[in-house]
Amino acid sequence: MAGVQNRYKIHQKDRLWRFKCSKDLYYSYITGDCSWHYHINRLGHTLHYNVSRAMAIVGWDGMYSSVVKDRKFKFFECGMQRVQNDN
């Protein structure tokens, strides 16, 4: 994944998600240069997150707040190397 957006809907206490893919990642492999990026969003607020061109979101996790009834997210990003296509 190349990006994530979502909106927190306060009345439903839920999020509406949109994921962004990139054709640049189609012929790529993970380089092993990976790290967590913490606290991407604020509780109860909209989230907009895009990775740089040579990176991809390969996982995520969230911590739930029972007070706000929402999650704070962190994403796991890895560097991507484009595969050479000889055709």
PDB file of N, CA and C in Angstrom:
ATOM      1  N   MET A   1       0.835  -1.175   0.000  1.00  0.00           N
ATOM      2  CA  MET A   1       0.000   0.000   0.000  1.00  0.00           C
ATOM      3  C   MET A   1       0.879   1.236   0.000  1.00  0.00           C
ATOM      4  N   ALA A   2       0.387   2.248  -0.678  1.00  0.00           N
ATOM      5  CA  ALA A   2       1.142   3.489  -0.764  1.00  0.00           C
ATOM      6  C   ALA A   2       0.544   4.593   0.104  1.00  0.00           C
ATOM      7  N   GLY A   3      -0.689   4.399   0.573  1.00  0.00           N
ATOM      8  CA  GLY A   3      -1.302   5.420   1.411  1.00  0.00           C
ATOM      9  C   GLY A   3      -2.611   4.959   2.021  1.00  0.00           C
ATOM     10  N   VAL A   4      -3.038   5.683   3.047  1.00  0.00           N
ATOM     11  CA  VAL A   4      -4.267   5.368   3.768  1.00  0.00           C
ATOM     12  C   VAL A   4      -4.956   6.681   4.119  1.00  0.00           C
ATOM     13  N   GLN A   5      -6.274   6.691   3.973  1.00  0.00           N
ATOM     14  CA  GLN A   5      -7.077   7.804   4.456  1.00  0.00           C
ATOM     15  C   GLN A   5      -8.264   7.221   5.202  1.00  0.00           C
ATOM     16  N   ASN A   6      -8.710   7.926   6.204  1.00  0.00           N
ATOM     17  CA  ASN A   6      -9.970   7.543   6.830  1.00  0.00           C
ATOM     18  C   ASN A   6     -10.579   8.733   7.540  1.00  0.00           C
ATOM     19  N   ARG A   7     -11.862   8.631   7.776  1.00  0.00           N
ATOM     20  CA  ARG A   7     -12.623   9.645   8.479  1.00  0.00           C
ATOM     21  C   ARG A   7     -13.231   9.003   9.701  1.00  0.00           C
ATOM     22  N   TYR A   8     -13.139   9.671  10.823  1.00  0.00           N
ATOM     23  CA  TYR A   8     -13.795   9.193  12.041  1.00  0.00           C
ATOM     24  C   TYR A   8     -15.218   9.717  12.054  1.00  0.00           C
ATOM     25  N   LYS A   9     -16.177   8.814  12.134  1.00  0.00           N
ATOM     26  CA  LYS A   9     -17.589   9.184  12.171  1.00  0.00           C
ATOM     27  C   LYS A   9     -18.044   9.107  13.623  1.00  0.00           C
ATOM     28  N   ILE A  10     -18.173  10.271  14.245  1.00  0.00           N
ATOM     29  CA  ILE A  10     -18.406  10.349  15.685  1.00  0.00           C
ATOM     30  C   ILE A  10     -19.710   9.676  16.115  1.00  0.00           C
ATOM     31  N   HIS A  11     -20.771   9.786  15.334  1.00  0.00           N
ATOM     32  CA  HIS A  11     -22.059   9.196  15.734  1.00  0.00           C
ATOM     33  C   HIS A  11     -22.024   7.672  15.702  1.00  0.00           C
ATOM     34  N   GLN A  12     -21.308   7.108  14.717  1.00  0.00           N
ATOM     35  CA  GLN A  12     -21.195   5.654  14.628  1.00  0.00           C
ATOM     36  C   GLN A  12     -20.008   5.121  15.422  1.00  0.00           C
ATOM     37  N   LYS A  13     -19.146   6.028  15.895  1.00  0.00           N
ATOM     38  CA  LYS A  13     -17.920   5.651  16.605  1.00  0.00           C
ATOM     39  C   LYS A  13     -17.125   4.633  15.776  1.00  0.00           C
ATOM     40  N   ASP A  14     -16.927   4.987  14.502  1.00  0.00           N
ATOM     41  CA  ASP A  14     -16.254   4.087  13.570  1.00  0.00           C
ATOM     42  C   ASP A  14     -15.537   4.926  12.516  1.00  0.00           C
ATOM     43  N   ARG A  15     -14.696   4.268  11.728  1.00  0.00           N
ATOM     44  CA  ARG A  15     -13.939   4.938  10.680  1.00  0.00           C
ATOM     45  C   ARG A  15     -14.321   4.411   9.306  1.00  0.00           C
ATOM     46  N   LEU A  16     -14.344   5.308   8.324  1.00  0.00           N
ATOM     47  CA  LEU A  16     -14.566   4.973   6.930  1.00  0.00           C
ATOM     48  C   LEU A  16     -13.204   5.018   6.247  1.00  0.00           C
ATOM     49  N   TRP A  17     -12.771   3.894   5.674  1.00  0.00           N
ATOM     50  CA  TRP A  17     -11.408   3.732   5.161  1.00  0.00           C
ATOM     51  C   TRP A  17     -11.317   3.870   3.652  1.00  0.00           C
ATOM     52  N   ARG A  18     -10.164   4.363   3.175  1.00  0.00           N
ATOM     53  CA  ARG A  18      -9.807   4.400   1.759  1.00  0.00           C
ATOM     54  C   ARG A  18      -8.310   4.060   1.674  1.00  0.00           C
ATOM     55  N   PHE A  19      -7.974   3.093   0.827  1.00  0.00           N
ATOM     56  CA  PHE A  19      -6.588   2.653   0.678  1.00  0.00           C
ATOM     57  C   PHE A  19      -6.057   3.052  -0.688  1.00  0.00           C
ATOM     58  N   LYS A  20      -4.779   3.413  -0.733  1.00  0.00           N
ATOM     59  CA  LYS A  20      -4.147   3.845  -1.976  1.00  0.00           C
ATOM     60  C   LYS A  20      -3.068   2.840  -2.369  1.00  0.00           C
ATOM     61  N   CYS A  21      -3.175   2.344  -3.592  1.00  0.00           N
ATOM     62  CA  CYS A  21      -2.168   1.434  -4.126  1.00  0.00           C
ATOM     63  C   CYS A  21      -1.311   2.179  -5.138  1.00  0.00           C
ATOM     64  N   SER A  22      -0.173   1.606  -5.484  1.00  0.00           N
ATOM     65  CA  SER A  22       0.727   2.233  -6.441  1.00  0.00           C
ATOM     66  C   SER A  22       1.200   1.206  -7.451  1.00  0.00           C
ATOM     67  N   LYS A  23       1.079   1.530  -8.733  1.00  0.00           N
ATOM     68  CA  LYS A  23       1.585   0.614  -9.766  1.00  0.00           C
ATOM     69  C   LYS A  23       3.110   0.511  -9.709  1.00  0.00           C
ATOM     70  N   ASP A  24       3.776   1.505  -9.113  1.00  0.00           N
ATOM     71  CA  ASP A  24       5.236   1.453  -8.966  1.00  0.00           C
ATOM     72  C   ASP A  24       5.675   0.301  -8.067  1.00  0.00           C
ATOM     73  N   LEU A  25       4.799  -0.152  -7.163  1.00  0.00           N
ATOM     74  CA  LEU A  25       5.152  -1.227  -6.241  1.00  0.00           C
ATOM     75  C   LEU A  25       4.910  -2.614  -6.832  1.00  0.00           C
ATOM     76  N   TYR A  26       4.270  -2.687  -8.025  1.00  0.00           N
ATOM     77  CA  TYR A  26       3.866  -3.972  -8.586  1.00  0.00           C
ATOM     78  C   TYR A  26       5.064  -4.884  -8.868  1.00  0.00           C
ATOM     79  N   TYR A  27       6.114  -4.371  -9.455  1.00  0.00           N
ATOM     80  CA  TYR A  27       7.305  -5.180  -9.759  1.00  0.00           C
ATOM     81  C   TYR A  27       8.439  -4.834  -8.803  1.00  0.00           C
ATOM     82  N   SER A  28       8.144  -4.833  -7.523  1.00  0.00           N
ATOM     83  CA  SER A  28       9.133  -4.461  -6.520  1.00  0.00           C
ATOM     84  C   SER A  28       9.243  -5.544  -5.458  1.00  0.00           C
ATOM     85  N   TYR A  29      10.315  -5.485  -4.687  1.00  0.00           N
ATOM     86  CA  TYR A  29      10.481  -6.379  -3.542  1.00  0.00           C
ATOM     87  C   TYR A  29      10.946  -5.575  -2.335  1.00  0.00           C
ATOM     88  N   ILE A  30      10.694  -6.109  -1.155  1.00  0.00           N
ATOM     89  CA  ILE A  30      11.054  -5.444   0.091  1.00  0.00           C
ATOM     90  C   ILE A  30      12.554  -5.555   0.315  1.00  0.00           C
ATOM     91  N   THR A  31      13.197  -4.441   0.634  1.00  0.00           N
ATOM     92  CA  THR A  31      14.649  -4.412   0.830  1.00  0.00           C
ATOM     93  C   THR A  31      15.071  -4.869   2.219  1.00  0.00           C
ATOM     94  N   GLY A  32      14.143  -4.905   3.167  1.00  0.00           N
ATOM     95  CA  GLY A  32      14.495  -5.252   4.541  1.00  0.00           C
ATOM     96  C   GLY A  32      14.725  -4.024   5.404  1.00  0.00           C
ATOM     97  N   ASP A  33      14.707  -2.837   4.795  1.00  0.00           N
ATOM     98  CA  ASP A  33      14.845  -1.576   5.522  1.00  0.00           C
ATOM     99  C   ASP A  33      13.455  -1.173   6.014  1.00  0.00           C
ATOM    100  N   CYS A  34      13.053  -1.693   7.190  1.00  0.00           N
ATOM    101  CA  CYS A  34      11.689  -1.521   7.686  1.00  0.00           C
ATOM    102  C   CYS A  34      11.684  -0.861   9.064  1.00  0.00           C
ATOM    103  N   SER A  35      10.599  -0.127   9.346  1.00  0.00           N
ATOM    104  CA  SER A  35      10.462   0.491  10.665  1.00  0.00           C
ATOM    105  C   SER A  35       9.005   0.852  10.927  1.00  0.00           C
ATOM    106  N   TRP A  36       8.689   0.976  12.214  1.00  0.00           N
ATOM    107  CA  TRP A  36       7.358   1.422  12.633  1.00  0.00           C
ATOM    108  C   TRP A  36       7.317   2.941  12.631  1.00  0.00           C
ATOM    109  N   HIS A  37       6.173   3.508  12.230  1.00  0.00           N
ATOM    110  CA  HIS A  37       5.909   4.942  12.317  1.00  0.00           C
ATOM    111  C   HIS A  37       4.707   5.096  13.238  1.00  0.00           C
ATOM    112  N   TYR A  38       4.943   5.701  14.401  1.00  0.00           N
ATOM    113  CA  TYR A  38       3.968   5.719  15.487  1.00  0.00           C
ATOM    114  C   TYR A  38       3.048   6.933  15.448  1.00  0.00           C
ATOM    115  N   HIS A  39       1.869   6.753  16.041  1.00  0.00           N
ATOM    116  CA  HIS A  39       0.908   7.835  16.294  1.00  0.00           C
ATOM    117  C   HIS A  39       0.628   8.646  15.030  1.00  0.00           C
ATOM    118  N   ILE A  40       0.168   7.934  14.014  1.00  0.00           N
ATOM    119  CA  ILE A  40      -0.112   8.546  12.728  1.00  0.00           C
ATOM    120  C   ILE A  40      -1.315   9.494  12.817  1.00  0.00           C
ATOM    121  N   ASN A  41      -2.257   9.197  13.670  1.00  0.00           N
ATOM    122  CA  ASN A  41      -3.466  10.019  13.797  1.00  0.00           C
ATOM    123  C   ASN A  41      -3.709  10.423  15.242  1.00  0.00           C
ATOM    124  N   ARG A  42      -4.579  11.418  15.392  1.00  0.00           N
ATOM    125  CA  ARG A  42      -5.079  11.799  16.715  1.00  0.00           C
ATOM    126  C   ARG A  42      -6.429  11.132  16.906  1.00  0.00           C
ATOM    127  N   LEU A  43      -6.728  10.745  18.124  1.00  0.00           N
ATOM    128  CA  LEU A  43      -8.007  10.098  18.421  1.00  0.00           C
ATOM    129  C   LEU A  43      -9.166  11.003  18.024  1.00  0.00           C
ATOM    130  N   GLY A  44     -10.149  10.419  17.310  1.00  0.00           N
ATOM    131  CA  GLY A  44     -11.328  11.156  16.908  1.00  0.00           C
ATOM    132  C   GLY A  44     -11.131  12.104  15.748  1.00  0.00           C
ATOM    133  N   HIS A  45      -9.981  12.026  15.060  1.00  0.00           N
ATOM    134  CA  HIS A  45      -9.687  12.922  13.944  1.00  0.00           C
ATOM    135  C   HIS A  45      -9.414  12.131  12.666  1.00  0.00           C
ATOM    136  N   THR A  46      -9.493  12.838  11.553  1.00  0.00           N
ATOM    137  CA  THR A  46      -9.220  12.257  10.234  1.00  0.00           C
ATOM    138  C   THR A  46      -7.756  11.872  10.123  1.00  0.00           C
ATOM    139  N   LEU A  47      -7.513  10.800   9.395  1.00  0.00           N
ATOM    140  CA  LEU A  47      -6.157  10.311   9.154  1.00  0.00           C
ATOM    141  C   LEU A  47      -5.856  10.422   7.665  1.00  0.00           C
ATOM    142  N   HIS A  48      -4.731  11.031   7.301  1.00  0.00           N
ATOM    143  CA  HIS A  48      -4.210  11.063   5.934  1.00  0.00           C
ATOM    144  C   HIS A  48      -2.743  10.677   6.026  1.00  0.00           C
ATOM    145  N   TYR A  49      -2.344   9.615   5.350  1.00  0.00           N
ATOM    146  CA  TYR A  49      -0.953   9.177   5.444  1.00  0.00           C
ATOM    147  C   TYR A  49      -0.516   8.567   4.121  1.00  0.00           C
ATOM    148  N   ASN A  50       0.562   9.080   3.553  1.00  0.00           N
ATOM    149  CA  ASN A  50       1.165   8.546   2.337  1.00  0.00           C
ATOM    150  C   ASN A  50       2.641   8.293   2.599  1.00  0.00           C
ATOM    151  N   VAL A  51       3.147   7.239   2.013  1.00  0.00           N
ATOM    152  CA  VAL A  51       4.565   6.928   2.146  1.00  0.00           C
ATOM    153  C   VAL A  51       5.345   7.592   1.021  1.00  0.00           C
ATOM    154  N   SER A  52       6.653   7.690   1.191  1.00  0.00           N
ATOM    155  CA  SER A  52       7.489   8.220   0.115  1.00  0.00           C
ATOM    156  C   SER A  52       7.535   7.202  -1.031  1.00  0.00           C
ATOM    157  N   ARG A  53       8.020   7.619  -2.166  1.00  0.00           N
ATOM    158  CA  ARG A  53       7.967   6.825  -3.392  1.00  0.00           C
ATOM    159  C   ARG A  53       8.627   5.461  -3.274  1.00  0.00           C
ATOM    160  N   ALA A  54       9.681   5.331  -2.535  1.00  0.00           N
ATOM    161  CA  ALA A  54      10.421   4.062  -2.457  1.00  0.00           C
ATOM    162  C   ALA A  54      10.027   3.224  -1.242  1.00  0.00           C
ATOM    163  N   MET A  55       8.881   3.542  -0.629  1.00  0.00           N
ATOM    164  CA  MET A  55       8.439   2.833   0.564  1.00  0.00           C
ATOM    165  C   MET A  55       7.054   2.244   0.326  1.00  0.00           C
ATOM    166  N   ALA A  56       6.664   1.285   1.194  1.00  0.00           N
ATOM    167  CA  ALA A  56       5.325   0.701   1.149  1.00  0.00           C
ATOM    168  C   ALA A  56       4.876   0.387   2.571  1.00  0.00           C
ATOM    169  N   ILE A  57       3.571   0.526   2.818  1.00  0.00           N
ATOM    170  CA  ILE A  57       2.980   0.112   4.084  1.00  0.00           C
ATOM    171  C   ILE A  57       2.754  -1.391   3.987  1.00  0.00           C
ATOM    172  N   VAL A  58       3.384  -2.148   4.880  1.00  0.00           N
ATOM    173  CA  VAL A  58       3.254  -3.607   4.839  1.00  0.00           C
ATOM    174  C   VAL A  58       2.509  -4.149   6.061  1.00  0.00           C
ATOM    175  N   GLY A  59       2.177  -3.290   7.007  1.00  0.00           N
ATOM    176  CA  GLY A  59       1.414  -3.710   8.174  1.00  0.00           C
ATOM    177  C   GLY A  59       1.037  -2.525   9.026  1.00  0.00           C
ATOM    178  N   TRP A  60       0.094  -2.751   9.931  1.00  0.00           N
ATOM    179  CA  TRP A  60      -0.269  -1.706  10.888  1.00  0.00           C
ATOM    180  C   TRP A  60      -0.875  -2.321  12.123  1.00  0.00           C
ATOM    181  N   ASP A  61      -0.946  -1.490  13.147  1.00  0.00           N
ATOM    182  CA  ASP A  61      -1.505  -1.901  14.423  1.00  0.00           C
ATOM    183  C   ASP A  61      -2.209  -0.672  15.004  1.00  0.00           C
ATOM    184  N   GLY A  62      -3.126  -0.901  15.929  1.00  0.00           N
ATOM    185  CA  GLY A  62      -3.823   0.199  16.550  1.00  0.00           C
ATOM    186  C   GLY A  62      -4.000  -0.033  18.041  1.00  0.00           C
ATOM    187  N   MET A  63      -4.049   1.072  18.789  1.00  0.00           N
ATOM    188  CA  MET A  63      -4.282   1.019  20.222  1.00  0.00           C
ATOM    189  C   MET A  63      -5.634   1.665  20.494  1.00  0.00           C
ATOM    190  N   TYR A  64      -6.538   0.946  21.149  1.00  0.00           N
ATOM    191  CA  TYR A  64      -7.911   1.396  21.367  1.00  0.00           C
ATOM    192  C   TYR A  64      -8.024   2.236  22.630  1.00  0.00           C
ATOM    193  N   SER A  65      -8.784   3.320  22.526  1.00  0.00           N
ATOM    194  CA  SER A  65      -9.110   4.155  23.683  1.00  0.00           C
ATOM    195  C   SER A  65     -10.581   3.970  24.006  1.00  0.00           C
ATOM    196  N   SER A  66     -10.884   3.420  25.168  1.00  0.00           N
ATOM    197  CA  SER A  66     -12.287   3.222  25.554  1.00  0.00           C
ATOM    198  C   SER A  66     -12.969   4.548  25.895  1.00  0.00           C
ATOM    199  N   VAL A  67     -12.206   5.566  26.208  1.00  0.00           N
ATOM    200  CA  VAL A  67     -12.773   6.877  26.524  1.00  0.00           C
ATOM    201  C   VAL A  67     -13.326   7.533  25.253  1.00  0.00           C
ATOM    202  N   VAL A  68     -12.515   7.569  24.185  1.00  0.00           N
ATOM    203  CA  VAL A  68     -12.907   8.203  22.925  1.00  0.00           C
ATOM    204  C   VAL A  68     -13.609   7.211  22.002  1.00  0.00           C
ATOM    205  N   LYS A  69     -13.418   5.925  22.258  1.00  0.00           N
ATOM    206  CA  LYS A  69     -13.947   4.845  21.425  1.00  0.00           C
ATOM    207  C   LYS A  69     -13.406   4.944  20.000  1.00  0.00           C
ATOM    208  N   ASP A  70     -12.075   5.076  19.924  1.00  0.00           N
ATOM    209  CA  ASP A  70     -11.368   5.186  18.653  1.00  0.00           C
ATOM    210  C   ASP A  70      -9.985   4.577  18.832  1.00  0.00           C
ATOM    211  N   ARG A  71      -9.267   4.453  17.747  1.00  0.00           N
ATOM    212  CA  ARG A  71      -7.920   3.884  17.779  1.00  0.00           C
ATOM    213  C   ARG A  71      -6.885   4.896  17.296  1.00  0.00           C
ATOM    214  N   LYS A  72      -5.691   4.792  17.878  1.00  0.00           N
ATOM    215  CA  LYS A  72      -4.519   5.510  17.412  1.00  0.00           C
ATOM    216  C   LYS A  72      -3.662   4.482  16.679  1.00  0.00           C
ATOM    217  N   PHE A  73      -3.264   4.796  15.443  1.00  0.00           N
ATOM    218  CA  PHE A  73      -2.603   3.805  14.588  1.00  0.00           C
ATOM    219  C   PHE A  73      -1.109   4.042  14.453  1.00  0.00           C
ATOM    220  N   LYS A  74      -0.429   2.941  14.163  1.00  0.00           N
ATOM    221  CA  LYS A  74       0.973   2.999  13.748  1.00  0.00           C
ATOM    222  C   LYS A  74       1.100   2.096  12.516  1.00  0.00           C
ATOM    223  N   PHE A  75       1.985   2.494  11.605  1.00  0.00           N
ATOM    224  CA  PHE A  75       2.188   1.753  10.365  1.00  0.00           C
ATOM    225  C   PHE A  75       3.604   1.207  10.294  1.00  0.00           C
ATOM    226  N   PHE A  76       3.722   0.021   9.705  1.00  0.00           N
ATOM    227  CA  PHE A  76       5.020  -0.610   9.478  1.00  0.00           C
ATOM    228  C   PHE A  76       5.364  -0.406   8.006  1.00  0.00           C
ATOM    229  N   GLU A  77       6.443   0.318   7.748  1.00  0.00           N
ATOM    230  CA  GLU A  77       6.863   0.647   6.392  1.00  0.00           C
ATOM    231  C   GLU A  77       8.174  -0.045   6.059  1.00  0.00           C
ATOM    232  N   CYS A  78       8.287  -0.447   4.807  1.00  0.00           N
ATOM    233  CA  CYS A  78       9.527  -1.055   4.314  1.00  0.00           C
ATOM    234  C   CYS A  78       9.955  -0.379   3.019  1.00  0.00           C
ATOM    235  N   GLY A  79      11.265  -0.319   2.835  1.00  0.00           N
ATOM    236  CA  GLY A  79      11.820   0.170   1.581  1.00  0.00           C
ATOM    237  C   GLY A  79      11.539  -0.832   0.474  1.00  0.00           C
ATOM    238  N   MET A  80      11.324  -0.325  -0.731  1.00  0.00           N
ATOM    239  CA  MET A  80      11.033  -1.168  -1.886  1.00  0.00           C
ATOM    240  C   MET A  80      12.090  -0.931  -2.960  1.00  0.00           C
ATOM    241  N   GLN A  81      12.507  -2.008  -3.576  1.00  0.00           N
ATOM    242  CA  GLN A  81      13.466  -1.941  -4.677  1.00  0.00           C
ATOM    243  C   GLN A  81      12.787  -2.439  -5.937  1.00  0.00           C
ATOM    244  N   ARG A  82      12.834  -1.685  -6.988  1.00  0.00           N
ATOM    245  CA  ARG A  82      12.179  -2.072  -8.242  1.00  0.00           C
ATOM    246  C   ARG A  82      12.967  -3.199  -8.903  1.00  0.00           C
ATOM    247  N   VAL A  83      12.241  -4.223  -9.367  1.00  0.00           N
ATOM    248  CA  VAL A  83      12.840  -5.368 -10.054  1.00  0.00           C
ATOM    249  C   VAL A  83      13.138  -4.953 -11.498  1.00  0.00           C
ATOM    250  N   GLN A  84      14.328  -5.265 -11.967  1.00  0.00           N
ATOM    251  CA  GLN A  84      14.687  -4.965 -13.358  1.00  0.00           C
ATOM    252  C   GLN A  84      13.954  -5.936 -14.282  1.00  0.00           C
ATOM    253  N   ASN A  85      13.274  -5.403 -15.276  1.00  0.00           N
ATOM    254  CA  ASN A  85      12.539  -6.222 -16.241  1.00  0.00           C
ATOM    255  C   ASN A  85      13.295  -6.166 -17.560  1.00  0.00           C
ATOM    256  N   ASP A  86      13.839  -7.306 -17.993  1.00  0.00           N
ATOM    257  CA  ASP A  86      14.653  -7.362 -19.207  1.00  0.00           C
ATOM    258  C   ASP A  86      13.833  -7.513 -20.468  1.00  0.00           C
ATOM    259  N   ASN A  87      12.514  -7.643 -20.360  1.00  0.00           N
ATOM    260  CA  ASN A  87      11.670  -7.819 -21.557  1.00  0.00           C
ATOM    261  C   ASN A  87      11.390  -6.535 -22.270  1.00  0.00           C
TER     262      ASN A  87
END
